[in-house]
Amino acid sequence: MVKILAVGDFHGKLSEKLFNKIAKIKPDYILSPGDFCGNEKLGKLFFKYVYGKSEDEVPYKIKKEVVKLEGQAFRSGVGMIETLKRLKIPTFAIRGNWDPTPLGHDLVGKLKREELVEVRKFERVQNKLFTFVDLFQKEFPEFILIGGASSTSPSGLKMDSLERRLVKNGFSEEEAKEYVISLKKNWKFRQKLYEKIFEKAISIKKRTGKKIIFLTHNAPYKTRLDLIRHGPQKGKHYGSFQEQLLIKKYQPDIVICGHMHENFGKDKIGKSIIYNSGSAMDGKFITLNI
């Protein structure tokens, strides 16, 4: 039997109390659904002044502050990973929506030069104690791990309604069309890649009897784990539609996710047991014996 500890959504914070608790548990592996970067001030500023607004609607002073805080958020994420390494426990992680990723979030569009610089710096944190497994399958002696990719939108939205919403939020009609075309193209790319990864994992499972663990950042769509609990969107689901479809089709034994901090707990899709590991900022994590 192997002991796994799942912890994520650090947003630059890992208290000494939680660090010591993890050290005391002594898991064989740590799995993380990401969001190493970030800080509370940036989050509040973003949702108050930036989220859902066009670039022209955001005051210059706010833009300047956001850029400064984004730099701090990135550095705190790198520091966060270095802190985890001090535990001397092999850690396998995917990047969350706050973390720089070579794929781009939702695999849409090309990365800007400054984003590529951060991506490369983030890549360099990897060593024998810490490895990124985004869109990757890895076999362990005791289980098979499938790493997902950062996806923060339901992705089940109708493309025409998404296009209208983008225009309403400041995109030109041409930009909105290009974005939606890119989204469709990259959805197909990621779907094909996921199918190859899952089919390989299932083949290994049939041969070895090992359980499959699917590690993804966002919770699957329309579960107890992706429900918005507060604000004007209260009661709506905001998980990943693509992950929901994959889980329904391939039925991995265990799914570990995060993103929506308030939904710490578990749910099921068919035979798959899904865990939201909550936020490390709140001292949350889960342990599993396999």
Foldseek 3Di string as FASTA:
>chain_A
DFKEWEAEAQQLHFDPVLLVVCLVVPGQEYEYQANLFHDDVLVVLCVVAPPLAAPVRHDPVSVVVNVVRLVVRLVSSLVSLVSVVVSVHAYEYAYEPSAQDCCPELNFDHDDPVSVVSRVVSCVSDDRRYYYADLHWDDDPAAIEGEHHYYFFQLPDDLVVQLVSVVVRPDDSVRSVSRSVRSVVSLVVRLVSLVVRLVVRVVVCVVPVHAYEYEHAFDHWDWLQQADCDDPRHGHGGTYPSVLVVCLVRVGQEYEYEDPQVRADWDDDVNYIYGHQHHSNVVGMDMDDD
